[in-house]
Amino acid sequence: MVEPTGRIGGMMTHGLSHSDFYSFEALNGPFLQFSQRVLKHYQVTYGEDSAQAKDSWQGTHGEPSVNLLIFQQMLAERPTITVLTNHRLVEVDVENSAITALHFVLPETKKVTVKPRLVIDATYEGDLLAAAKVPYRVCRETKSEYSESLAPEAADAELQGYNYRLCMTQNPANRVPVPVPDNYNREDYAAIGAWNSREEWNKTKPGHDWLFAWLDKNTDGKISEAEYLELLAFKKKNSNWQKLIREEFGSK
């Protein structure tokens, strides 16, 4: 299992605490096993009737740190799985329509080649498929092409919003100090200041309370399909926005 960052788990360990699903009855397979273990963690740590266990919504709304712990425990039970972190995909070898080798680079520029028997692209963006030259389009298709009820009548070049997740807390004991980013100017993001209290948040998002005295929030906006260095630059700029959110919510 190859992870481009230093932290396994994707969205569920990088800030997403509100997993999307239709009903508890629909949960099955690995996610059900995972959520049951998350719930068990809160019950054992804080008590079966604790606020933490109840707020986890049967284990489907776990904190990123708890989700990470559960993933690590599940992987530890599978000693045949090798986990490679901080391995960024840079090239794919394809022969006769089959992937034969994956080339990765590490932060210190060391290169690693993996020759797998089978490859699964479990990324959010589908970078592996794109690197393997699998045909794709960056756009929205017409409603008629795939009978998608929410698709537009005419195709266009719009993209889904590309978001970064962050978590905030009102509990000082659960807070991690955030250093001021380079070139940070609070006035650049003053418009978000209206969401500076729990009450204001609940007016805009009724029913979304502060689970565990913390909250996760999407940054809103979108970027075009960018090269890796451009994405890093965007990530650095985005950290300024997140500092403001923590500053506003965490200080109230």
Protein backbone atom coordinates (compact mmCIF):
# COMPACT_ATOMS: atom_id res chain seq x y z
CA MET A 1 0.00 0.00 0.00
CA VAL A 2 1.53 3.28 -1.13
CA GLU A 3 0.69 6.64 0.44
CA PRO A 4 1.98 9.93 -1.06
CA THR A 5 1.90 11.73 2.33
CA GLY A 6 3.27 10.73 5.69
CA ARG A 7 -0.16 9.82 7.07
CA ILE A 8 -2.31 6.93 5.90
CA GLY A 9 -6.09 7.07 5.73
CA GLY A 10 -6.87 9.73 3.15
CA MET A 11 -9.71 12.11 3.96
CA MET A 12 -10.78 10.17 7.05
CA THR A 13 -7.49 10.85 8.86
CA HIS A 14 -6.76 14.28 7.36
CA GLY A 15 -9.79 16.18 8.64
CA LEU A 16 -13.00 14.51 7.47
CA SER A 17 -15.13 13.58 10.46
CA HIS A 18 -18.58 13.52 8.85
CA SER A 19 -18.64 10.42 6.67
CA ASP A 20 -21.37 10.41 4.03
CA PHE A 21 -23.79 7.49 4.04
CA TYR A 22 -27.51 6.96 3.50
CA SER A 23 -28.49 4.99 6.58
CA PHE A 24 -26.97 2.87 9.33
CA GLU A 25 -28.78 -0.15 7.88
CA ALA A 26 -26.89 0.36 4.61
CA LEU A 27 -23.46 0.14 6.26
CA ASN A 28 -21.61 -3.06 5.47
CA GLY A 29 -18.22 -4.56 4.78
CA PRO A 30 -14.94 -2.88 5.76
CA PHE A 31 -16.52 0.48 6.61
CA LEU A 32 -18.95 -1.14 9.04
CA GLN A 33 -16.07 -3.00 10.69
CA PHE A 34 -14.11 0.23 10.84
CA SER A 35 -16.95 2.31 12.34
CA GLN A 36 -17.70 -0.38 14.92
CA ARG A 37 -14.08 -0.25 16.08
CA VAL A 38 -14.18 3.54 16.27
CA LEU A 39 -17.29 3.36 18.44
CA LYS A 40 -15.66 0.70 20.63
CA HIS A 41 -12.64 2.96 21.11
CA TYR A 42 -14.80 5.78 22.46
CA GLN A 43 -16.81 3.41 24.65
CA VAL A 44 -13.68 1.88 26.18
CA THR A 45 -11.85 5.20 26.55
CA TYR A 46 -14.69 7.38 27.83
CA GLY A 47 -17.54 5.02 28.76
CA GLU A 48 -20.43 3.44 26.87
CA ASP A 49 -22.81 6.30 27.73
CA SER A 50 -20.22 9.06 27.29
CA ALA A 51 -20.81 12.14 25.17
CA GLN A 52 -17.86 11.11 23.00
CA ALA A 53 -19.38 7.71 22.22
CA LYS A 54 -22.77 9.25 21.43
CA ASP A 55 -21.31 12.06 19.34
CA SER A 56 -19.33 9.58 17.25
CA TRP A 57 -22.67 8.59 15.70
CA GLN A 58 -22.09 4.86 16.03
CA GLY A 59 -18.45 5.32 15.08
CA THR A 60 -19.09 6.96 11.72
CA HIS A 61 -18.03 10.43 12.94
CA GLY A 62 -14.68 9.76 14.55
CA GLU A 63 -11.93 12.28 15.10
CA PRO A 64 -9.13 12.07 12.50
CA SER A 65 -6.65 11.00 15.19
CA VAL A 66 -8.95 8.18 16.28
CA ASN A 67 -9.61 7.14 12.69
CA LEU A 68 -5.85 7.00 12.15
CA LEU A 69 -5.39 4.85 15.24
CA ILE A 70 -8.02 2.37 14.07
CA PHE A 71 -6.51 2.15 10.58
CA GLN A 72 -3.09 1.50 12.12
CA GLN A 73 -4.53 -1.23 14.32
CA MET A 74 -6.28 -2.88 11.38
CA LEU A 75 -3.10 -2.81 9.31
CA ALA A 76 -1.09 -4.26 12.19
CA GLU A 77 -3.39 -7.28 12.06
CA ARG A 78 -2.35 -7.84 8.44
CA PRO A 79 1.45 -8.32 8.65
CA THR A 80 1.66 -9.24 4.96
CA ILE A 81 0.70 -5.67 3.98
CA THR A 82 3.69 -3.37 3.47
CA VAL A 83 2.95 0.34 3.85
CA LEU A 84 5.10 2.87 2.01
CA THR A 85 4.51 6.48 3.09
CA ASN A 86 5.81 9.69 1.50
CA HIS A 87 6.05 7.96 -1.89
CA ARG A 88 4.83 10.28 -4.65
CA LEU A 89 4.00 8.71 -8.01
CA VAL A 90 5.98 10.20 -10.89
CA GLU A 91 5.78 7.65 -13.69
CA VAL A 92 3.99 4.47 -14.75
CA ASP A 93 5.19 1.76 -17.16
CA VAL A 94 2.49 0.17 -19.31
CA GLU A 95 2.88 -2.84 -21.59
CA ASN A 96 0.06 -4.41 -23.58
CA SER A 97 -2.53 -2.29 -21.75
CA ALA A 98 -1.28 -3.52 -18.36
CA ILE A 99 0.66 -1.60 -15.70
CA THR A 100 4.03 -3.28 -15.19
CA ALA A 101 5.90 -0.84 -12.95
CA LEU A 102 5.27 2.19 -10.75
CA HIS A 103 7.98 4.76 -10.14
CA PHE A 104 7.90 6.86 -6.96
CA VAL A 105 10.02 9.65 -5.54
CA LEU A 106 10.66 10.29 -1.85
CA PRO A 107 11.12 13.72 -0.24
CA GLU A 108 14.90 13.36 -0.33
CA THR A 109 14.58 12.73 -4.12
CA LYS A 110 15.32 9.03 -3.75
CA LYS A 111 13.51 7.00 -6.42
CA VAL A 112 11.72 3.72 -5.80
CA THR A 113 10.27 1.30 -8.38
CA VAL A 114 7.50 -1.17 -7.57
CA LYS A 115 6.51 -3.97 -9.97
CA PRO A 116 3.09 -5.22 -8.80
CA ARG A 117 0.99 -8.12 -10.04
CA LEU A 118 -2.18 -6.06 -9.68
CA VAL A 119 -2.77 -2.33 -9.19
CA ILE A 120 -5.73 -0.54 -7.59
CA ASP A 121 -6.01 3.22 -7.85
CA ALA A 122 -7.60 4.18 -4.53
CA THR A 123 -6.67 7.85 -4.78
CA TYR A 124 -9.19 10.66 -4.61
CA GLU A 125 -8.00 12.27 -7.85
CA GLY A 126 -7.20 9.15 -9.90
CA ASP A 127 -3.57 10.14 -10.44
CA LEU A 128 -2.46 6.59 -11.14
CA LEU A 129 -4.98 6.11 -13.94
CA ALA A 130 -4.01 9.44 -15.47
CA ALA A 131 -0.30 8.54 -15.31
CA ALA A 132 -1.09 5.24 -17.01
CA LYS A 133 -2.63 7.25 -19.89
CA VAL A 134 -6.13 5.98 -19.25
CA PRO A 135 -8.44 8.35 -21.19
CA TYR A 136 -10.21 10.92 -19.05
CA ARG A 137 -11.87 14.31 -19.28
CA VAL A 138 -11.77 17.28 -16.95
CA CYS A 139 -15.28 18.67 -17.27
CA ARG A 140 -18.95 17.97 -16.68
CA GLU A 141 -20.68 15.74 -19.20
CA THR A 142 -24.16 16.35 -20.52
CA LYS A 143 -27.14 14.92 -18.70
CA SER A 144 -27.98 12.76 -21.70
CA GLU A 145 -24.57 11.05 -21.95
CA TYR A 146 -24.85 8.98 -18.77
CA SER A 147 -28.44 9.78 -17.71
CA GLU A 148 -27.22 11.67 -14.65
CA SER A 149 -30.12 13.61 -13.18
CA LEU A 150 -27.92 16.33 -11.69
CA ALA A 151 -25.68 16.82 -14.71
CA PRO A 152 -26.06 19.96 -16.85
CA GLU A 153 -28.01 19.93 -20.10
CA ALA A 154 -24.88 21.05 -21.96
CA ALA A 155 -21.30 19.98 -21.27
CA ASP A 156 -18.99 22.58 -19.75
CA ALA A 157 -15.51 22.93 -18.24
CA GLU A 158 -16.63 23.27 -14.62
CA LEU A 159 -14.78 21.31 -11.92
CA GLN A 160 -15.82 19.98 -8.55
CA GLY A 161 -14.59 22.18 -5.72
CA TYR A 162 -11.14 21.13 -4.48
CA ASN A 163 -11.23 21.40 -0.71
CA TYR A 164 -8.88 21.15 2.21
CA ARG A 165 -10.31 19.97 5.52
CA LEU A 166 -9.44 21.40 8.90
CA CYS A 167 -10.51 20.69 12.45
CA MET A 168 -11.15 23.26 15.15
CA THR A 169 -11.74 23.00 18.87
CA GLN A 170 -13.02 25.04 21.79
CA ASN A 171 -11.21 22.78 24.24
CA PRO A 172 -7.74 24.19 25.06
CA ALA A 173 -6.52 20.74 26.11
CA ASN A 174 -7.28 19.41 22.64
CA ARG A 175 -5.72 22.32 20.78
CA VAL A 176 -2.48 22.32 18.82
CA PRO A 177 -0.84 25.76 18.42
CA VAL A 178 -0.68 26.91 14.80
CA PRO A 179 2.34 29.01 13.79
CA VAL A 180 1.67 32.16 11.78
CA PRO A 181 2.30 31.32 8.09
CA ASP A 182 4.65 33.40 5.98
CA ASN A 183 3.00 36.41 4.35
CA TYR A 184 -0.15 35.94 6.43
CA ASN A 185 -2.51 38.92 6.26
CA ARG A 186 -5.67 38.52 8.27
CA GLU A 187 -7.51 41.16 6.25
CA ASP A 188 -7.27 38.96 3.16
CA TYR A 189 -9.79 36.63 4.78
CA ALA A 190 -11.86 39.04 6.88
CA ALA A 191 -15.05 38.16 4.99
CA ILE A 192 -15.20 34.83 6.79
CA GLY A 193 -15.29 36.65 10.12
CA ALA A 194 -19.10 36.46 10.20
CA TRP A 195 -18.73 32.84 11.25
CA ASN A 196 -17.03 33.84 14.48
CA SER A 197 -19.26 32.10 16.94
CA ARG A 198 -21.01 28.82 17.53
CA GLU A 199 -24.34 30.63 17.28
CA GLU A 200 -23.54 32.10 13.86
CA TRP A 201 -22.35 28.72 12.61
CA ASN A 202 -25.56 27.02 13.72
CA LYS A 203 -27.60 29.66 11.90
CA THR A 204 -25.88 28.80 8.61
CA LYS A 205 -25.61 25.06 9.26
CA PRO A 206 -28.58 24.08 11.46
CA GLY A 207 -28.20 20.71 13.10
CA HIS A 208 -24.40 20.66 12.72
CA ASP A 209 -23.18 21.04 16.27
CA TRP A 210 -19.62 21.01 17.60
CA LEU A 211 -18.94 17.31 18.03
CA PHE A 212 -16.38 16.62 20.74
CA ALA A 213 -16.16 20.43 21.20
CA TRP A 214 -14.53 20.56 17.78
CA LEU A 215 -15.71 21.00 14.24
CA ASP A 216 -14.48 20.13 10.78
CA LYS A 217 -15.02 22.50 7.88
CA ASN A 218 -14.40 22.49 4.16
CA THR A 219 -12.54 25.33 2.60
CA ASP A 220 -14.69 26.57 -0.26
CA GLY A 221 -13.35 27.20 -3.74
CA LYS A 222 -11.79 25.35 -6.63
CA ILE A 223 -8.57 25.17 -8.58
CA SER A 224 -7.78 23.98 -12.06
CA GLU A 225 -5.90 20.79 -12.79
CA ALA A 226 -2.46 21.83 -11.59
CA GLU A 227 1.06 20.51 -11.59
CA TYR A 228 2.44 19.22 -8.30
CA LEU A 229 4.45 22.36 -7.49
CA GLU A 230 1.45 24.57 -8.16
CA LEU A 231 -0.59 22.44 -5.81
CA LEU A 232 2.04 22.83 -3.10
CA ALA A 233 1.93 26.59 -3.53
CA PHE A 234 -1.85 26.50 -3.22
CA LYS A 235 -1.55 24.36 -0.10
CA LYS A 236 0.79 26.90 1.51
CA LYS A 237 -1.57 29.76 0.70
CA ASN A 238 -4.50 27.72 1.98
CA SER A 239 -2.83 27.34 5.38
CA ASN A 240 -3.32 31.07 5.89
CA TRP A 241 -7.07 30.65 5.44
CA GLN A 242 -7.13 27.79 7.90
CA LYS A 243 -5.25 29.82 10.51
CA LEU A 244 -7.97 32.44 10.39
CA ILE A 245 -10.71 29.84 10.88
CA ARG A 246 -8.92 28.34 13.88
CA GLU A 247 -8.32 31.81 15.24
CA GLU A 248 -11.98 32.78 14.93
CA PHE A 249 -13.60 29.59 16.17
CA GLY A 250 -10.97 28.44 18.63
CA SER A 251 -10.83 31.71 20.51
CA LYS A 252 -14.55 31.90 21.24
